[in-house]
């Protein structure tokens, strides 16, 4: 027996029509809205940026992480996504030399390198690691952001095809790590010091009387643990990455060489970009440089506190003690770098440092006189 009347059947049919109409309307709306909801505009340009530091987690761990992240965010935002910056951390695109070679050839567009490796591509960069040449990080950055830094960057670009977008600090100055205390060069006599395969640094440490061993960074912890190496040198926070605090007794704040980790870009790629995008990239690099350098200062002092917390004795060299090291370390390095780049570059560099030291001193005195 049929339970529905003709009236009921008409009502059900009308409801079905309404439901079908509603469904079709929703589907039509979805298709009309689809371009704005889920189809993002594909970028016109892609920048592959490789670096050696670990990936960004909850917090940054190293200046290159900050440098690359801030650069990426600003470039993508200010170009409305027309430039995409893909960051490849933790040696995913090769070691630092390989990534710089890839940038030079245009296989990738950008990388972050550090001073000792970048000297392979331009000997002029070795100027920046002359022992005890910079009195502090502020003067160093004033020199690099000033006329001398611009002239150096232009010379490197012409020589290598690599554009230096910023002079980011690599957690600042390099320090001594050791099993025994170091106060004077006599304390380093015969000590086996691990030094990177960098001719200038090798000359520096031999000049100070140390024996040098060129052990890979990845093997340094074991070398210090077993006595294959009795000392090492690097920036304060880098040692924490491989837990040197577990195998050393002393950290000596020597500030013997300044370390940079500049943001580099293939110059041919940069020149092909519209001028408005060149402007955005340089502006982004300036801002990422400031952010990374601020983080570098925090990381440096924070690392020293971690060594203290781990029971490592931290020793700050006096100016007199630094001068003893400088008298031995600087002459062989200066002789080598002068042969490589010429006395003219040395003289310009020294003059730029004196100019910026005097300018900063004057600014401070003017502030305290008010």
Protein backbone atom coordinates (compact mmCIF):
# COMPACT_ATOMS: atom_id res chain seq x y z
CA UNK A 1 0.00 0.00 0.00
CA UNK A 2 1.39 3.39 -1.01
CA UNK A 3 1.89 5.54 2.11
CA UNK A 4 2.36 8.86 0.20
CA UNK A 5 -0.48 10.99 -1.17
CA UNK A 6 -0.13 12.87 -4.44
CA UNK A 7 0.31 16.09 -2.42
CA UNK A 8 3.13 14.54 -0.44
CA UNK A 9 4.81 13.30 -3.60
CA UNK A 10 4.73 16.84 -5.05
CA UNK A 11 6.28 18.28 -1.85
CA UNK A 12 9.09 15.66 -1.92
CA UNK A 13 9.75 16.36 -5.58
CA UNK A 14 9.94 20.10 -4.89
CA UNK A 15 12.36 19.50 -2.00
CA UNK A 16 14.55 17.35 -4.25
CA UNK A 17 14.59 20.11 -6.86
CA UNK A 18 15.57 22.65 -4.19
CA UNK A 19 18.35 20.38 -2.88
CA UNK A 20 19.68 19.71 -6.40
CA UNK A 21 19.56 23.44 -7.21
CA UNK A 22 21.36 24.27 -3.99
CA UNK A 23 24.05 21.61 -4.64
CA UNK A 24 24.61 22.82 -8.21
CA UNK A 25 24.81 26.43 -6.97
CA UNK A 26 27.43 25.50 -4.35
CA UNK A 27 29.51 23.58 -6.89
CA UNK A 28 29.30 26.50 -9.32
CA UNK A 29 30.43 28.91 -6.61
CA UNK A 30 33.33 26.66 -5.69
CA UNK A 31 34.53 26.59 -9.30
CA UNK A 32 34.10 30.35 -9.63
CA UNK A 33 36.05 30.96 -6.41
CA UNK A 34 38.69 28.31 -7.08
CA UNK A 35 41.32 30.65 -8.61
CA UNK A 36 41.32 32.93 -5.58
CA UNK A 37 41.04 30.17 -2.98
CA UNK A 38 43.59 27.58 -3.99
CA UNK A 39 45.44 28.53 -7.16
CA UNK A 40 48.31 30.76 -6.00
CA UNK A 41 50.24 32.74 -8.56
CA UNK A 42 53.38 30.87 -9.58
CA UNK A 43 56.58 32.85 -8.86
CA UNK A 44 58.41 34.33 -11.84
CA UNK A 45 61.81 33.90 -10.17
CA UNK A 46 63.19 31.36 -7.71
CA UNK A 47 66.25 31.88 -5.55
CA UNK A 48 67.86 28.71 -4.20
CA UNK A 49 69.84 29.75 -1.12
CA UNK A 50 72.11 27.14 0.49
CA UNK A 51 73.97 27.47 3.78
CA UNK A 52 75.91 25.39 6.29
CA UNK A 53 73.95 25.99 9.48
CA UNK A 54 71.15 23.79 10.79
CA UNK A 55 67.52 24.26 9.84
CA UNK A 56 65.30 26.77 11.63
CA UNK A 57 63.39 25.07 14.44
CA UNK A 58 61.62 26.98 17.22
CA UNK A 59 64.46 29.47 17.55
CA UNK A 60 67.39 30.49 15.35
CA UNK A 61 70.67 28.76 16.14
CA UNK A 62 73.24 30.69 14.10
CA UNK A 63 73.55 34.00 12.16
CA UNK A 64 73.08 32.30 8.74
CA UNK A 65 69.71 31.00 9.93
CA UNK A 66 68.60 34.54 10.79
CA UNK A 67 70.21 36.02 7.68
CA UNK A 68 68.47 33.61 5.31
CA UNK A 69 65.10 33.62 7.09
CA UNK A 70 64.72 37.42 7.30
CA UNK A 71 65.96 37.79 3.71
CA UNK A 72 63.41 35.21 2.51
CA UNK A 73 60.45 36.77 4.32
CA UNK A 74 61.15 40.31 3.12
CA UNK A 75 61.86 39.39 -0.51
CA UNK A 76 58.75 37.21 -0.83
CA UNK A 77 56.50 39.74 0.92
CA UNK A 78 57.74 42.82 -0.95
CA UNK A 79 57.52 41.11 -4.37
CA UNK A 80 54.03 39.71 -3.58
CA UNK A 81 55.43 36.22 -4.05
CA UNK A 82 56.82 36.91 -7.52
CA UNK A 83 60.24 35.91 -6.16
CA UNK A 84 60.35 32.70 -4.16
CA UNK A 85 63.36 32.10 -1.88
CA UNK A 86 63.98 28.42 -1.16
CA UNK A 87 66.39 27.96 1.75
CA UNK A 88 68.48 24.77 1.90
CA UNK A 89 70.26 24.55 5.29
CA UNK A 90 72.63 22.01 6.82
CA UNK A 91 74.86 21.40 3.76
CA UNK A 92 71.91 20.06 1.70
CA UNK A 93 73.41 21.57 -1.46
CA UNK A 94 77.01 20.58 -0.67
CA UNK A 95 79.79 21.87 1.57
CA UNK A 96 80.54 25.60 1.74
CA UNK A 97 83.08 25.48 -1.08
CA UNK A 98 80.74 23.47 -3.33
CA UNK A 99 77.81 25.82 -2.66
CA UNK A 100 79.97 28.85 -3.47
CA UNK A 101 81.14 27.19 -6.70
CA UNK A 102 77.51 26.40 -7.56
CA UNK A 103 76.58 30.05 -6.93
CA UNK A 104 79.48 31.22 -9.07
CA UNK A 105 78.37 28.97 -11.95
CA UNK A 106 74.68 29.85 -11.54
CA UNK A 107 73.57 26.32 -10.61
CA UNK A 108 72.09 27.93 -7.48
CA UNK A 109 71.43 31.62 -7.00
CA UNK A 110 72.74 32.36 -3.50
CA UNK A 111 74.71 31.01 -0.56
CA UNK A 112 76.26 32.02 2.74
CA UNK A 113 79.96 31.34 3.15
CA UNK A 114 82.55 32.07 5.82
CA UNK A 115 85.81 33.95 5.61
CA UNK A 116 88.33 31.11 5.58
CA UNK A 117 86.61 29.27 2.68
CA UNK A 118 85.72 32.42 0.73
CA UNK A 119 89.44 33.30 0.51
CA UNK A 120 89.73 30.38 -1.94
CA UNK A 121 87.65 32.40 -4.41
CA UNK A 122 89.20 35.80 -3.69
CA UNK A 123 92.43 36.31 -1.78
CA UNK A 124 91.28 39.85 -0.98
CA UNK A 125 88.84 38.41 1.58
CA UNK A 126 91.90 37.22 3.54
CA UNK A 127 92.45 40.87 4.50
CA UNK A 128 89.58 40.55 6.95
CA UNK A 129 91.36 37.89 9.02
CA UNK A 130 94.63 39.71 9.57
CA UNK A 131 95.39 38.88 13.24
CA UNK A 132 94.20 41.50 15.74
CA UNK A 133 93.37 43.97 12.96
CA UNK A 134 89.90 44.95 14.24
CA UNK A 135 89.62 46.38 17.77
CA UNK A 136 85.95 45.36 18.07
CA UNK A 137 82.92 44.26 16.06
CA UNK A 138 81.48 47.78 15.73
CA UNK A 139 84.56 49.11 13.96
CA UNK A 140 84.67 45.99 11.79
CA UNK A 141 81.10 46.50 10.59
CA UNK A 142 81.59 50.23 10.04
CA UNK A 143 84.55 49.44 7.79
CA UNK A 144 82.69 46.74 5.85
CA UNK A 145 79.54 48.84 5.40
CA UNK A 146 81.58 51.89 4.44
CA UNK A 147 83.54 52.91 1.31
CA UNK A 148 86.25 50.29 1.83
CA UNK A 149 83.70 47.46 2.12
CA UNK A 150 81.95 48.67 -1.03
CA UNK A 151 85.26 48.80 -2.93
CA UNK A 152 86.21 45.32 -1.70
CA UNK A 153 82.79 43.90 -2.64
CA UNK A 154 83.06 45.41 -6.12
CA UNK A 155 86.56 43.95 -6.60
CA UNK A 156 85.30 40.51 -5.54
CA UNK A 157 82.30 40.79 -7.89
CA UNK A 158 84.51 41.70 -10.84
CA UNK A 159 86.94 38.89 -10.01
CA UNK A 160 84.49 36.09 -9.25
CA UNK A 161 81.04 36.95 -10.65
CA UNK A 162 79.70 36.75 -7.10
CA UNK A 163 77.85 39.72 -5.59
CA UNK A 164 78.24 40.30 -1.84
CA UNK A 165 74.77 41.33 -0.69
CA UNK A 166 75.74 41.82 2.95
CA UNK A 167 78.67 41.42 5.34
CA UNK A 168 76.97 39.29 7.97
CA UNK A 169 79.04 38.49 11.05
CA UNK A 170 79.87 34.86 11.76
CA UNK A 171 79.39 35.02 15.56
CA UNK A 172 82.23 37.51 15.70
CA UNK A 173 85.78 36.92 16.79
CA UNK A 174 87.64 33.62 16.98
CA UNK A 175 88.92 32.40 20.36
CA UNK A 176 91.33 29.79 21.79
CA UNK A 177 90.06 26.48 23.23
CA UNK A 178 92.55 24.40 25.19
CA UNK A 179 93.29 21.78 27.83
CA UNK A 180 95.66 24.12 29.68
CA UNK A 181 95.52 27.89 30.35
CA UNK A 182 96.83 30.35 27.76
CA UNK A 183 97.95 33.83 28.82
CA UNK A 184 101.02 34.45 26.64
CA UNK A 185 102.49 33.00 23.43
CA UNK A 186 104.89 30.99 25.59
CA UNK A 187 101.91 28.96 26.83
CA UNK A 188 101.24 27.79 23.24
CA UNK A 189 104.80 26.64 22.61
CA UNK A 190 104.64 23.13 21.18
CA UNK A 191 100.88 22.79 21.81
CA UNK A 192 99.11 20.87 19.03
CA UNK A 193 96.50 23.33 17.75
CA UNK A 194 93.77 22.34 15.33
CA UNK A 195 93.63 24.99 12.58
CA UNK A 196 91.46 25.03 9.41
CA UNK A 197 93.22 24.46 6.08
CA UNK A 198 93.73 28.18 5.60
CA UNK A 199 97.26 29.32 4.83
CA UNK A 200 96.89 32.61 6.68
CA UNK A 201 95.66 30.95 9.88
CA UNK A 202 98.39 28.31 9.65
CA UNK A 203 101.02 31.04 9.38
CA UNK A 204 99.42 32.89 12.28
CA UNK A 205 99.59 29.97 14.69
CA UNK A 206 103.05 28.88 13.63
CA UNK A 207 104.14 32.46 14.24
CA UNK A 208 102.78 32.21 17.78
CA UNK A 209 104.85 29.07 18.37
CA UNK A 210 102.08 26.48 18.26
CA UNK A 211 102.26 23.18 16.46
CA UNK A 212 99.38 22.90 13.97
CA UNK A 213 97.24 19.95 12.92
CA UNK A 214 94.60 20.19 10.16
CA UNK A 215 91.88 17.90 11.48
CA UNK A 216 88.38 18.09 9.92
CA UNK A 217 85.92 20.04 12.05
CA UNK A 218 83.69 16.98 12.40
CA UNK A 219 86.57 15.06 14.04
CA UNK A 220 87.69 17.80 16.44
CA UNK A 221 85.71 16.56 19.47
CA UNK A 222 87.37 13.13 19.33
CA UNK A 223 90.78 14.68 18.60
CA UNK A 224 90.54 16.89 21.71
CA UNK A 225 89.22 13.98 23.75
CA UNK A 226 92.12 11.68 22.79
CA UNK A 227 94.89 14.29 22.80
CA UNK A 228 95.49 14.25 19.06
CA UNK A 229 94.80 17.99 19.38
CA UNK A 230 95.41 20.00 22.56
CA UNK A 231 93.88 23.23 21.41
CA UNK A 232 91.60 24.70 18.76
CA UNK A 233 90.28 28.04 17.59
CA UNK A 234 86.87 29.15 16.38
CA UNK A 235 84.04 31.49 17.36
CA UNK A 236 82.54 30.96 20.82
CA UNK A 237 79.19 29.47 19.82
CA UNK A 238 80.58 27.14 17.12
CA UNK A 239 82.41 25.11 19.75
CA UNK A 240 79.14 24.46 21.56
CA UNK A 241 77.63 22.92 18.41
CA UNK A 242 80.10 20.04 18.62
CA UNK A 243 80.14 20.10 22.47
CA UNK A 244 83.73 21.23 22.93
CA UNK A 245 82.70 22.31 26.42
CA UNK A 246 82.88 18.62 27.35
CA UNK A 247 86.51 18.14 26.29
CA UNK A 248 88.27 21.44 27.12
CA UNK A 249 89.22 23.11 30.38
CA UNK A 250 89.90 26.65 29.18
CA UNK A 251 88.38 29.20 26.81
CA UNK A 252 90.64 32.17 26.13
CA UNK A 253 88.94 35.29 24.76
CA UNK A 254 91.72 36.30 22.40
CA UNK A 255 89.71 37.99 19.60
CA UNK A 256 92.59 37.08 17.29
CA UNK A 257 90.61 37.00 14.02
CA UNK A 258 87.24 38.31 12.90
CA UNK A 259 84.85 35.97 11.13
CA UNK A 260 82.22 36.93 8.58
CA UNK A 261 79.53 34.86 6.83
CA UNK A 262 78.34 37.08 3.97
CA UNK A 263 75.25 36.52 1.86
CA UNK A 264 76.42 35.92 -1.71
CA UNK A 265 74.47 35.95 -4.99
CA UNK A 266 75.26 35.03 -8.58
CA UNK A 267 75.79 38.43 -10.21
CA UNK A 268 74.45 37.42 -13.63
CA UNK A 269 71.17 36.28 -12.04
CA UNK A 270 70.91 39.53 -10.07
CA UNK A 271 71.47 41.68 -13.16
CA UNK A 272 68.72 39.90 -15.10
CA UNK A 273 66.12 40.86 -12.50
CA UNK A 274 63.97 43.95 -12.99
CA UNK A 275 65.47 46.98 -11.26
CA UNK A 276 62.61 47.12 -8.75
CA UNK A 277 63.45 43.58 -7.65
CA UNK A 278 67.17 44.35 -7.41
CA UNK A 279 66.19 47.16 -5.06
CA UNK A 280 64.02 44.83 -2.94
CA UNK A 281 66.75 42.18 -2.74
CA UNK A 282 69.39 44.66 -1.60
CA UNK A 283 67.02 46.25 0.91
CA UNK A 284 66.14 42.81 2.27
CA UNK A 285 69.84 41.90 2.54
CA UNK A 286 70.56 45.10 4.47
CA UNK A 287 67.80 44.28 6.95
CA UNK A 288 68.73 40.60 7.29
CA UNK A 289 72.33 41.67 7.92
CA UNK A 290 71.30 43.89 10.84
CA UNK A 291 69.07 41.19 12.29
CA UNK A 292 71.72 38.47 11.99
CA UNK A 293 74.47 40.65 13.45
CA UNK A 294 72.29 41.52 16.43
CA UNK A 295 71.65 37.82 16.96
CA UNK A 296 75.38 37.15 16.59
CA UNK A 297 76.19 39.41 19.54
CA UNK A 298 73.61 37.62 21.69
CA UNK A 299 74.85 34.19 20.60
CA UNK A 300 78.46 35.13 21.34
CA UNK A 301 77.88 36.30 24.90
CA UNK A 302 75.31 33.57 25.55
CA UNK A 303 77.84 30.94 24.47
CA UNK A 304 80.45 32.26 26.90
CA UNK A 305 77.93 31.92 29.71
CA UNK A 306 77.25 28.33 28.70
CA UNK A 307 80.96 27.52 28.92
CA UNK A 308 81.04 29.03 32.39
CA UNK A 309 77.98 26.98 33.38
CA UNK A 310 79.77 23.84 32.13
CA UNK A 311 82.75 24.53 34.41
CA UNK A 312 85.10 25.79 31.69
CA UNK A 313 87.43 28.55 32.92
CA UNK A 314 87.09 31.65 30.75
CA UNK A 315 90.11 33.93 30.50
CA UNK A 316 90.02 37.41 28.93
CA UNK A 317 93.38 38.52 27.55
CA UNK A 318 94.51 42.03 28.53
CA UNK A 319 95.59 44.51 25.86
CA UNK A 320 99.22 43.89 26.82
CA UNK A 321 98.76 40.12 26.43
CA UNK A 322 97.00 40.59 23.07
CA UNK A 323 99.89 42.74 21.87
CA UNK A 324 102.33 39.91 22.68
CA UNK A 325 100.33 37.56 20.43
CA UNK A 326 99.90 40.27 17.78
CA UNK A 327 103.67 40.89 17.59
CA UNK A 328 104.22 37.24 16.64
CA UNK A 329 101.07 36.42 14.65
CA UNK A 330 100.62 39.51 12.47
CA UNK A 331 103.98 39.77 10.61
CA UNK A 332 103.89 36.35 8.83
CA UNK A 333 100.22 36.78 7.94
CA UNK A 334 100.80 40.33 6.64
CA UNK A 335 103.75 39.15 4.56
CA UNK A 336 101.65 36.43 2.96
CA UNK A 337 98.54 38.53 2.28
CA UNK A 338 100.63 41.42 0.91
CA UNK A 339 102.18 39.01 -1.59
CA UNK A 340 98.70 37.83 -2.56
CA UNK A 341 96.79 41.14 -2.90
CA UNK A 342 99.42 43.91 -2.93
CA UNK A 343 100.46 46.61 -0.47
CA UNK A 344 97.90 49.07 -1.87
CA UNK A 345 95.01 46.99 -0.49
CA UNK A 346 96.73 46.64 2.89
CA UNK A 347 97.24 50.41 3.14
CA UNK A 348 93.62 51.17 2.15
CA UNK A 349 92.36 48.65 4.68
CA UNK A 350 94.49 50.01 7.53
CA UNK A 351 93.45 53.57 6.72
CA UNK A 352 89.74 52.63 6.67
CA UNK A 353 90.06 51.06 10.13
CA UNK A 354 91.74 54.16 11.56
CA UNK A 355 89.12 56.44 9.97
CA UNK A 356 86.20 54.44 11.40
CA UNK A 357 87.83 54.12 14.84
CA UNK A 358 88.27 57.90 14.98
CA UNK A 359 84.75 58.58 13.66
CA UNK A 360 83.13 56.30 16.22
CA UNK A 361 85.25 57.75 19.02
CA UNK A 362 84.14 61.24 17.99
CA UNK A 363 80.46 60.23 17.92
CA UNK A 364 80.67 58.77 21.42
CA UNK A 365 82.42 61.85 22.82
CA UNK A 366 79.79 64.10 21.26
CA UNK A 367 77.03 62.06 22.90
CA UNK A 368 78.54 62.14 26.39
CA UNK A 369 79.28 65.88 26.15
CA UNK A 370 75.57 66.79 25.90
